[in-house]
Amino acid sequence: DLRLDFPDAGVASAAIAATKAWRFADEMTEIAATQAAAGLTPELAEGLAAVYRALATSAWGARRPEDVPADLTDPSELRPR
């Protein structure tokens, strides 16, 4: 889905996001709660939190951003465990 809007992002960008996903999941959960408290729908932020939680459990979730090779093309290690 991301490739539709970001065709040049590639697998490396997703792997870098996975290395920080543990933090993003909590941030998205907080955003969802803030939106709900304001009377807005929290579903988008809740969905993003779920995606980040899944990425955090992938093989890249336990690594550092600088470990991701710029030419990474194999998305198999981005699958949740």
PDB file of N, CA and C in Angstrom:
ATOM      1  N   ASP A   1       0.814  -1.202   0.000  1.00  0.00           N
ATOM      2  CA  ASP A   1       0.000   0.000   0.000  1.00  0.00           C
ATOM      3  C   ASP A   1       0.853   1.259   0.000  1.00  0.00           C
ATOM      4  N   LEU A   2       1.937   1.236   0.742  1.00  0.00           N
ATOM      5  CA  LEU A   2       2.801   2.417   0.799  1.00  0.00           C
ATOM      6  C   LEU A   2       3.423   2.731  -0.554  1.00  0.00           C
ATOM      7  N   ARG A   3       3.664   1.709  -1.342  1.00  0.00           N
ATOM      8  CA  ARG A   3       4.298   1.941  -2.648  1.00  0.00           C
ATOM      9  C   ARG A   3       3.431   2.785  -3.576  1.00  0.00           C
ATOM     10  N   LEU A   4       2.124   2.797  -3.355  1.00  0.00           N
ATOM     11  CA  LEU A   4       1.249   3.636  -4.179  1.00  0.00           C
ATOM     12  C   LEU A   4       1.571   5.114  -3.985  1.00  0.00           C
ATOM     13  N   ASP A   5       1.772   5.514  -2.740  1.00  0.00           N
ATOM     14  CA  ASP A   5       2.056   6.923  -2.445  1.00  0.00           C
ATOM     15  C   ASP A   5       3.543   7.240  -2.389  1.00  0.00           C
ATOM     16  N   PHE A   6       4.348   6.225  -2.081  1.00  0.00           N
ATOM     17  CA  PHE A   6       5.786   6.419  -1.937  1.00  0.00           C
ATOM     18  C   PHE A   6       6.527   5.359  -2.755  1.00  0.00           C
ATOM     19  N   PRO A   7       6.469   5.460  -4.080  1.00  0.00           N
ATOM     20  CA  PRO A   7       7.029   4.395  -4.926  1.00  0.00           C
ATOM     21  C   PRO A   7       8.530   4.192  -4.764  1.00  0.00           C
ATOM     22  N   ASP A   8       9.238   5.184  -4.293  1.00  0.00           N
ATOM     23  CA  ASP A   8      10.686   5.062  -4.155  1.00  0.00           C
ATOM     24  C   ASP A   8      11.117   4.682  -2.735  1.00  0.00           C
ATOM     25  N   ALA A   9      10.172   4.507  -1.831  1.00  0.00           N
ATOM     26  CA  ALA A   9      10.517   4.242  -0.432  1.00  0.00           C
ATOM     27  C   ALA A   9      11.229   2.904  -0.269  1.00  0.00           C
ATOM     28  N   GLY A  10      10.726   1.855  -0.853  1.00  0.00           N
ATOM     29  CA  GLY A  10      11.376   0.563  -0.813  1.00  0.00           C
ATOM     30  C   GLY A  10      11.326  -0.153   0.524  1.00  0.00           C
ATOM     31  N   VAL A  11      11.898  -1.336   0.536  1.00  0.00           N
ATOM     32  CA  VAL A  11      11.898  -2.203   1.712  1.00  0.00           C
ATOM     33  C   VAL A  11      12.763  -1.621   2.828  1.00  0.00           C
ATOM     34  N   ALA A  12      13.861  -0.979   2.478  1.00  0.00           N
ATOM     35  CA  ALA A  12      14.754  -0.429   3.499  1.00  0.00           C
ATOM     36  C   ALA A  12      14.026   0.591   4.378  1.00  0.00           C
ATOM     37  N   SER A  13      13.181   1.421   3.784  1.00  0.00           N
ATOM     38  CA  SER A  13      12.433   2.406   4.571  1.00  0.00           C
ATOM     39  C   SER A  13      11.496   1.733   5.561  1.00  0.00           C
ATOM     40  N   ALA A  14      10.835   0.669   5.131  1.00  0.00           N
ATOM     41  CA  ALA A  14       9.949  -0.073   6.028  1.00  0.00           C
ATOM     42  C   ALA A  14      10.749  -0.751   7.136  1.00  0.00           C
ATOM     43  N   ALA A  15      11.921  -1.278   6.806  1.00  0.00           N
ATOM     44  CA  ALA A  15      12.767  -1.922   7.816  1.00  0.00           C
ATOM     45  C   ALA A  15      13.250  -0.907   8.845  1.00  0.00           C
ATOM     46  N   ILE A  16      13.598   0.292   8.393  1.00  0.00           N
ATOM     47  CA  ILE A  16      14.006   1.348   9.334  1.00  0.00           C
ATOM     48  C   ILE A  16      12.843   1.703  10.253  1.00  0.00           C
ATOM     49  N   ALA A  17      11.640   1.813   9.693  1.00  0.00           N
ATOM     50  CA  ALA A  17      10.464   2.080  10.523  1.00  0.00           C
ATOM     51  C   ALA A  17      10.254   0.955  11.530  1.00  0.00           C
ATOM     52  N   ALA A  18      10.511  -0.281  11.129  1.00  0.00           N
ATOM     53  CA  ALA A  18      10.334  -1.425  12.027  1.00  0.00           C
ATOM     54  C   ALA A  18      11.280  -1.337  13.222  1.00  0.00           C
ATOM     55  N   THR A  19      12.477  -0.788  13.022  1.00  0.00           N
ATOM     56  CA  THR A  19      13.435  -0.693  14.128  1.00  0.00           C
ATOM     57  C   THR A  19      12.967   0.278  15.211  1.00  0.00           C
ATOM     58  N   LYS A  20      12.041   1.159  14.856  1.00  0.00           N
ATOM     59  CA  LYS A  20      11.518   2.142  15.811  1.00  0.00           C
ATOM     60  C   LYS A  20      10.050   1.903  16.135  1.00  0.00           C
ATOM     61  N   ALA A  21       9.497   0.825  15.627  1.00  0.00           N
ATOM     62  CA  ALA A  21       8.055   0.592  15.700  1.00  0.00           C
ATOM     63  C   ALA A  21       7.531   0.498  17.122  1.00  0.00           C
ATOM     64  N   TRP A  22       8.324  -0.025  18.030  1.00  0.00           N
ATOM     65  CA  TRP A  22       7.885  -0.136  19.427  1.00  0.00           C
ATOM     66  C   TRP A  22       7.462   1.217  19.975  1.00  0.00           C
ATOM     67  N   ARG A  23       8.178   2.265  19.575  1.00  0.00           N
ATOM     68  CA  ARG A  23       7.871   3.613  20.053  1.00  0.00           C
ATOM     69  C   ARG A  23       6.656   4.192  19.326  1.00  0.00           C
ATOM     70  N   PHE A  24       6.597   3.974  18.022  1.00  0.00           N
ATOM     71  CA  PHE A  24       5.500   4.517  17.224  1.00  0.00           C
ATOM     72  C   PHE A  24       4.157   3.915  17.627  1.00  0.00           C
ATOM     73  N   ALA A  25       4.135   2.646  18.032  1.00  0.00           N
ATOM     74  CA  ALA A  25       2.884   2.012  18.437  1.00  0.00           C
ATOM     75  C   ALA A  25       2.283   2.753  19.630  1.00  0.00           C
ATOM     76  N   ASP A  26       3.111   3.054  20.618  1.00  0.00           N
ATOM     77  CA  ASP A  26       2.626   3.792  21.790  1.00  0.00           C
ATOM     78  C   ASP A  26       2.161   5.195  21.417  1.00  0.00           C
ATOM     79  N   GLU A  27       2.887   5.851  20.523  1.00  0.00           N
ATOM     80  CA  GLU A  27       2.501   7.198  20.097  1.00  0.00           C
ATOM     81  C   GLU A  27       1.158   7.180  19.381  1.00  0.00           C
ATOM     82  N   MET A  28       0.945   6.191  18.519  1.00  0.00           N
ATOM     83  CA  MET A  28      -0.320   6.095  17.798  1.00  0.00           C
ATOM     84  C   MET A  28      -1.473   5.793  18.749  1.00  0.00           C
ATOM     85  N   THR A  29      -1.217   4.992  19.776  1.00  0.00           N
ATOM     86  CA  THR A  29      -2.239   4.701  20.782  1.00  0.00           C
ATOM     87  C   THR A  29      -2.636   5.974  21.521  1.00  0.00           C
ATOM     88  N   GLU A  30      -1.653   6.801  21.852  1.00  0.00           N
ATOM     89  CA  GLU A  30      -1.934   8.081  22.519  1.00  0.00           C
ATOM     90  C   GLU A  30      -2.710   9.020  21.601  1.00  0.00           C
ATOM     91  N   ILE A  31      -2.345   9.045  20.336  1.00  0.00           N
ATOM     92  CA  ILE A  31      -3.061   9.892  19.374  1.00  0.00           C
ATOM     93  C   ILE A  31      -4.510   9.437  19.264  1.00  0.00           C
ATOM     94  N   ALA A  32      -4.730   8.117  19.206  1.00  0.00           N
ATOM     95  CA  ALA A  32      -6.094   7.583  19.124  1.00  0.00           C
ATOM     96  C   ALA A  32      -6.914   8.015  20.340  1.00  0.00           C
ATOM     97  N   ALA A  33      -6.312   7.937  21.529  1.00  0.00           N
ATOM     98  CA  ALA A  33      -7.020   8.342  22.745  1.00  0.00           C
ATOM     99  C   ALA A  33      -7.341   9.832  22.723  1.00  0.00           C
ATOM    100  N   THR A  34      -6.415  10.644  22.246  1.00  0.00           N
ATOM    101  CA  THR A  34      -6.641  12.085  22.158  1.00  0.00           C
ATOM    102  C   THR A  34      -7.764  12.395  21.183  1.00  0.00           C
ATOM    103  N   GLN A  35      -7.762  11.723  20.042  1.00  0.00           N
ATOM    104  CA  GLN A  35      -8.825  11.941  19.061  1.00  0.00           C
ATOM    105  C   GLN A  35     -10.183  11.530  19.616  1.00  0.00           C
ATOM    106  N   ALA A  36     -10.227  10.390  20.289  1.00  0.00           N
ATOM    107  CA  ALA A  36     -11.490   9.929  20.874  1.00  0.00           C
ATOM    108  C   ALA A  36     -11.996  10.922  21.921  1.00  0.00           C
ATOM    109  N   ALA A  37     -11.088  11.443  22.740  1.00  0.00           N
ATOM    110  CA  ALA A  37     -11.469  12.411  23.771  1.00  0.00           C
ATOM    111  C   ALA A  37     -12.003  13.704  23.155  1.00  0.00           C
ATOM    112  N   ALA A  38     -11.539  14.006  21.952  1.00  0.00           N
ATOM    113  CA  ALA A  38     -11.988  15.218  21.263  1.00  0.00           C
ATOM    114  C   ALA A  38     -13.251  14.970  20.437  1.00  0.00           C
ATOM    115  N   GLY A  39     -13.774  13.753  20.517  1.00  0.00           N
ATOM    116  CA  GLY A  39     -14.981  13.431  19.765  1.00  0.00           C
ATOM    117  C   GLY A  39     -14.722  13.052  18.314  1.00  0.00           C
ATOM    118  N   LEU A  40     -13.470  12.787  17.991  1.00  0.00           N
ATOM    119  CA  LEU A  40     -13.096  12.382  16.633  1.00  0.00           C
ATOM    120  C   LEU A  40     -12.899  10.875  16.579  1.00  0.00           C
ATOM    121  N   THR A  41     -12.925  10.325  15.394  1.00  0.00           N
ATOM    122  CA  THR A  41     -12.739   8.888  15.261  1.00  0.00           C
ATOM    123  C   THR A  41     -11.278   8.497  15.500  1.00  0.00           C
ATOM    124  N   PRO A  42     -11.044   7.491  16.337  1.00  0.00           N
ATOM    125  CA  PRO A  42      -9.680   7.067  16.618  1.00  0.00           C
ATOM    126  C   PRO A  42      -9.193   5.936  15.711  1.00  0.00           C
ATOM    127  N   GLU A  43     -10.035   5.474  14.783  1.00  0.00           N
ATOM    128  CA  GLU A  43      -9.728   4.256  14.044  1.00  0.00           C
ATOM    129  C   GLU A  43      -8.436   4.294  13.234  1.00  0.00           C
ATOM    130  N   LEU A  44      -8.126   5.398  12.602  1.00  0.00           N
ATOM    131  CA  LEU A  44      -6.898   5.461  11.801  1.00  0.00           C
ATOM    132  C   LEU A  44      -5.665   5.275  12.687  1.00  0.00           C
ATOM    133  N   ALA A  45      -5.601   6.010  13.778  1.00  0.00           N
ATOM    134  CA  ALA A  45      -4.452   5.895  14.671  1.00  0.00           C
ATOM    135  C   ALA A  45      -4.401   4.513  15.317  1.00  0.00           C
ATOM    136  N   GLU A  46      -5.555   3.934  15.633  1.00  0.00           N
ATOM    137  CA  GLU A  46      -5.582   2.576  16.182  1.00  0.00           C
ATOM    138  C   GLU A  46      -5.048   1.569  15.168  1.00  0.00           C
ATOM    139  N   GLY A  47      -5.424   1.757  13.907  1.00  0.00           N
ATOM    140  CA  GLY A  47      -4.919   0.875  12.852  1.00  0.00           C
ATOM    141  C   GLY A  47      -3.420   1.008  12.673  1.00  0.00           C
ATOM    142  N   LEU A  48      -2.928   2.230  12.700  1.00  0.00           N
ATOM    143  CA  LEU A  48      -1.484   2.444  12.585  1.00  0.00           C
ATOM    144  C   LEU A  48      -0.745   1.845  13.782  1.00  0.00           C
ATOM    145  N   ALA A  49      -1.329   1.944  14.958  1.00  0.00           N
ATOM    146  CA  ALA A  49      -0.711   1.336  16.142  1.00  0.00           C
ATOM    147  C   ALA A  49      -0.600  -0.174  15.952  1.00  0.00           C
ATOM    148  N   ALA A  50      -1.631  -0.786  15.384  1.00  0.00           N
ATOM    149  CA  ALA A  50      -1.596  -2.236  15.143  1.00  0.00           C
ATOM    150  C   ALA A  50      -0.503  -2.603  14.141  1.00  0.00           C
ATOM    151  N   VAL A  51      -0.354  -1.803  13.107  1.00  0.00           N
ATOM    152  CA  VAL A  51       0.695  -2.051  12.116  1.00  0.00           C
ATOM    153  C   VAL A  51       2.072  -1.931  12.762  1.00  0.00           C
ATOM    154  N   TYR A  52       2.283  -0.886  13.541  1.00  0.00           N
ATOM    155  CA  TYR A  52       3.579  -0.714  14.209  1.00  0.00           C
ATOM    156  C   TYR A  52       3.855  -1.817  15.222  1.00  0.00           C
ATOM    157  N   ARG A  53       2.813  -2.276  15.939  1.00  0.00           N
ATOM    158  CA  ARG A  53       3.013  -3.399  16.868  1.00  0.00           C
ATOM    159  C   ARG A  53       3.460  -4.646  16.109  1.00  0.00           C
ATOM    160  N   ALA A  54       2.857  -4.888  14.953  1.00  0.00           N
ATOM    161  CA  ALA A  54       3.246  -6.041  14.143  1.00  0.00           C
ATOM    162  C   ALA A  54       4.677  -5.889  13.640  1.00  0.00           C
ATOM    163  N   LEU A  55       5.036  -4.707  13.153  1.00  0.00           N
ATOM    164  CA  LEU A  55       6.408  -4.477  12.692  1.00  0.00           C
ATOM    165  C   LEU A  55       7.414  -4.655  13.821  1.00  0.00           C
ATOM    166  N   ALA A  56       7.037  -4.258  15.027  1.00  0.00           N
ATOM    167  CA  ALA A  56       7.946  -4.377  16.170  1.00  0.00           C
ATOM    168  C   ALA A  56       8.273  -5.836  16.475  1.00  0.00           C
ATOM    169  N   THR A  57       7.396  -6.751  16.095  1.00  0.00           N
ATOM    170  CA  THR A  57       7.655  -8.171  16.346  1.00  0.00           C
ATOM    171  C   THR A  57       8.396  -8.838  15.200  1.00  0.00           C
ATOM    172  N   SER A  58       8.651  -8.100  14.128  1.00  0.00           N
ATOM    173  CA  SER A  58       9.380  -8.667  12.987  1.00  0.00           C
ATOM    174  C   SER A  58      10.869  -8.796  13.330  1.00  0.00           C
ATOM    175  N   ALA A  59      11.598  -9.471  12.465  1.00  0.00           N
ATOM    176  CA  ALA A  59      13.043  -9.624  12.678  1.00  0.00           C
ATOM    177  C   ALA A  59      13.745  -8.268  12.739  1.00  0.00           C
ATOM    178  N   TRP A  60      13.258  -7.291  12.008  1.00  0.00           N
ATOM    179  CA  TRP A  60      13.879  -5.963  12.034  1.00  0.00           C
ATOM    180  C   TRP A  60      13.496  -5.176  13.275  1.00  0.00           C
ATOM    181  N   GLY A  61      12.451  -5.567  13.963  1.00  0.00           N
ATOM    182  CA  GLY A  61      12.000  -4.846  15.146  1.00  0.00           C
ATOM    183  C   GLY A  61      13.007  -4.809  16.276  1.00  0.00           C
ATOM    184  N   ALA A  62      13.912  -5.760  16.315  1.00  0.00           N
ATOM    185  CA  ALA A  62      14.917  -5.824  17.384  1.00  0.00           C
ATOM    186  C   ALA A  62      16.275  -5.277  16.951  1.00  0.00           C
ATOM    187  N   ARG A  63      16.322  -4.682  15.787  1.00  0.00           N
ATOM    188  CA  ARG A  63      17.604  -4.163  15.286  1.00  0.00           C
ATOM    189  C   ARG A  63      17.634  -2.642  15.361  1.00  0.00           C
ATOM    190  N   ARG A  64      18.776  -2.081  14.980  1.00  0.00           N
ATOM    191  CA  ARG A  64      18.958  -0.628  14.989  1.00  0.00           C
ATOM    192  C   ARG A  64      18.808  -0.083  13.568  1.00  0.00           C
ATOM    193  N   PRO A  65      18.360   1.171  13.411  1.00  0.00           N
ATOM    194  CA  PRO A  65      18.206   1.742  12.073  1.00  0.00           C
ATOM    195  C   PRO A  65      19.477   1.660  11.232  1.00  0.00           C
ATOM    196  N   GLU A  66      20.629   1.864  11.871  1.00  0.00           N
ATOM    197  CA  GLU A  66      21.889   1.851  11.115  1.00  0.00           C
ATOM    198  C   GLU A  66      22.273   0.450  10.631  1.00  0.00           C
ATOM    199  N   ASP A  67      21.574  -0.580  11.105  1.00  0.00           N
ATOM    200  CA  ASP A  67      21.831  -1.942  10.646  1.00  0.00           C
ATOM    201  C   ASP A  67      21.155  -2.254   9.307  1.00  0.00           C
ATOM    202  N   VAL A  68      20.230  -1.413   8.882  1.00  0.00           N
ATOM    203  CA  VAL A  68      19.463  -1.666   7.666  1.00  0.00           C
ATOM    204  C   VAL A  68      20.280  -1.265   6.440  1.00  0.00           C
ATOM    205  N   PRO A  69      20.579  -2.227   5.547  1.00  0.00           N
ATOM    206  CA  PRO A  69      21.301  -1.866   4.335  1.00  0.00           C
ATOM    207  C   PRO A  69      20.410  -1.058   3.392  1.00  0.00           C
ATOM    208  N   ALA A  70      20.967  -0.036   2.781  1.00  0.00           N
ATOM    209  CA  ALA A  70      20.200   0.836   1.896  1.00  0.00           C
ATOM    210  C   ALA A  70      19.616   0.086   0.708  1.00  0.00           C
ATOM    211  N   ASP A  71      20.258  -1.010   0.321  1.00  0.00           N
ATOM    212  CA  ASP A  71      19.792  -1.757  -0.853  1.00  0.00           C
ATOM    213  C   ASP A  71      18.938  -2.973  -0.484  1.00  0.00           C
ATOM    214  N   LEU A  72      18.371  -2.984   0.716  1.00  0.00           N
ATOM    215  CA  LEU A  72      17.531  -4.097   1.156  1.00  0.00           C
ATOM    216  C   LEU A  72      16.326  -4.242   0.233  1.00  0.00           C
ATOM    217  N   THR A  73      16.104  -5.438  -0.279  1.00  0.00           N
ATOM    218  CA  THR A  73      14.971  -5.658  -1.191  1.00  0.00           C
ATOM    219  C   THR A  73      14.059  -6.793  -0.741  1.00  0.00           C
ATOM    220  N   ASP A  74      14.494  -7.596   0.224  1.00  0.00           N
ATOM    221  CA  ASP A  74      13.715  -8.746   0.664  1.00  0.00           C
ATOM    222  C   ASP A  74      12.810  -8.354   1.828  1.00  0.00           C
ATOM    223  N   PRO A  75      11.492  -8.334   1.609  1.00  0.00           N
ATOM    224  CA  PRO A  75      10.579  -7.929   2.679  1.00  0.00           C
ATOM    225  C   PRO A  75      10.227  -9.050   3.659  1.00  0.00           C
ATOM    226  N   SER A  76      10.758 -10.242   3.467  1.00  0.00           N
ATOM    227  CA  SER A  76      10.345 -11.383   4.281  1.00  0.00           C
ATOM    228  C   SER A  76      10.589 -11.176   5.776  1.00  0.00           C
ATOM    229  N   GLU A  77      11.637 -10.460   6.158  1.00  0.00           N
ATOM    230  CA  GLU A  77      11.933 -10.252   7.568  1.00  0.00           C
ATOM    231  C   GLU A  77      11.080  -9.158   8.201  1.00  0.00           C
ATOM    232  N   LEU A  78      10.152  -8.577   7.427  1.00  0.00           N
ATOM    233  CA  LEU A  78       9.236  -7.569   7.965  1.00  0.00           C
ATOM    234  C   LEU A  78       7.934  -8.205   8.437  1.00  0.00           C
ATOM    235  N   ARG A  79       7.779  -9.482   8.209  1.00  0.00           N
ATOM    236  CA  ARG A  79       6.556 -10.159   8.647  1.00  0.00           C
ATOM    237  C   ARG A  79       6.559 -10.318  10.166  1.00  0.00           C
ATOM    238  N   PRO A  80       5.400 -10.112  10.792  1.00  0.00           N
ATOM    239  CA  PRO A  80       5.325 -10.309  12.243  1.00  0.00           C
ATOM    240  C   PRO A  80       5.611 -11.757  12.613  1.00  0.00           C
ATOM    241  N   ARG A  81       6.167 -11.940  13.782  1.00  0.00           N
ATOM    242  CA  ARG A  81       6.452 -13.305  14.252  1.00  0.00           C
ATOM    243  C   ARG A  81       5.237 -13.899  14.902  1.00  0.00           C
TER     244      ARG A  81
END
